[in-house]
Protein backbone atom coordinates (compact mmCIF):
# COMPACT_ATOMS: atom_id res chain seq x y z
CA UNK A 1 -0.94 -32.03 1.06
CA UNK A 2 -2.86 -35.20 0.82
CA UNK A 3 -6.54 -35.00 2.65
CA UNK A 4 -8.02 -37.25 4.70
CA UNK A 5 -12.19 -38.38 5.22
CA UNK A 6 -13.06 -35.52 7.13
CA UNK A 7 -9.81 -33.03 7.46
CA UNK A 8 -9.88 -29.56 5.95
CA UNK A 9 -6.84 -29.44 3.54
CA UNK A 10 -3.70 -26.99 4.71
CA UNK A 11 -1.90 -24.94 2.30
CA UNK A 12 1.53 -23.57 3.09
CA UNK A 13 2.52 -20.76 1.12
CA UNK A 14 5.99 -19.00 1.46
CA UNK A 15 6.85 -15.39 1.19
CA UNK A 16 9.75 -14.08 0.06
CA UNK A 17 10.24 -10.57 0.00
CA UNK A 18 11.69 -9.69 -3.59
CA UNK A 19 12.50 -5.77 -3.63
CA UNK A 20 9.32 -3.61 -2.51
CA UNK A 21 6.86 -6.51 -2.30
CA UNK A 22 6.58 -10.13 -1.71
CA UNK A 23 6.84 -12.89 -4.21
CA UNK A 24 4.31 -15.74 -3.06
CA UNK A 25 4.29 -19.69 -3.88
CA UNK A 26 1.96 -22.40 -2.93
CA UNK A 27 3.75 -25.65 -2.06
CA UNK A 28 2.60 -28.26 -4.31
CA UNK A 29 0.68 -25.85 -6.49
CA UNK A 30 4.14 -24.81 -8.97
CA UNK A 31 1.77 -22.54 -11.07
CA UNK A 32 -0.13 -20.79 -7.75
CA UNK A 33 0.94 -17.73 -7.08
CA UNK A 34 0.87 -14.03 -6.23
CA UNK A 35 2.73 -11.15 -5.04
CA UNK A 36 1.19 -8.30 -2.59
CA UNK A 37 3.20 -5.50 -1.06
CA UNK A 38 2.07 -5.56 3.12
CA UNK A 39 3.03 -9.09 4.12
CA UNK A 40 -1.14 -9.40 5.88
CA UNK A 41 -2.67 -8.96 2.61
CA UNK A 42 -0.44 -12.68 1.60
CA UNK A 43 -3.30 -14.94 3.35
CA UNK A 44 -6.37 -13.73 1.29
CA UNK A 45 -4.51 -13.03 -2.02
CA UNK A 46 -3.45 -16.49 -1.88
CA UNK A 47 -6.27 -17.84 -0.82
CA UNK A 48 -8.18 -16.14 -3.97
CA UNK A 49 -5.32 -17.74 -6.07
CA UNK A 50 -5.63 -21.29 -4.71
CA UNK A 51 -9.78 -21.25 -5.11
CA UNK A 52 -9.22 -20.42 -8.71
CA UNK A 53 -6.69 -22.89 -9.42
CA UNK A 54 -8.70 -25.39 -8.02
CA UNK A 55 -11.86 -24.11 -8.88
CA UNK A 56 -13.31 -24.41 -5.68
CA UNK A 57 -14.91 -22.10 -3.48
CA UNK A 58 -12.42 -20.33 -0.99
CA UNK A 59 -13.36 -21.65 2.41
CA UNK A 60 -12.89 -25.13 1.93
CA UNK A 61 -9.29 -25.25 2.88
CA UNK A 62 -7.29 -23.22 5.20
CA UNK A 63 -4.01 -21.70 4.31
CA UNK A 64 -0.77 -21.30 6.43
CA UNK A 65 1.65 -18.21 4.92
CA UNK A 66 5.18 -18.35 5.94
CA UNK A 67 8.26 -16.06 5.70
CA UNK A 68 11.22 -17.02 4.12
């Protein structure tokens, strides 16, 4: 999860099916999580959660969502 000069940080989010919704967690950020009804909603929701947690704009990093 580290950042090098000139590189954009990439966060990996893991989506797990929990009944009728998807639970989303972020590797390296244990207090950042969300849930969505459809998997295609995961990236914008978790992006907002990361931005709020780190107090940075949501366009300053990338998010990769993986299904588990």
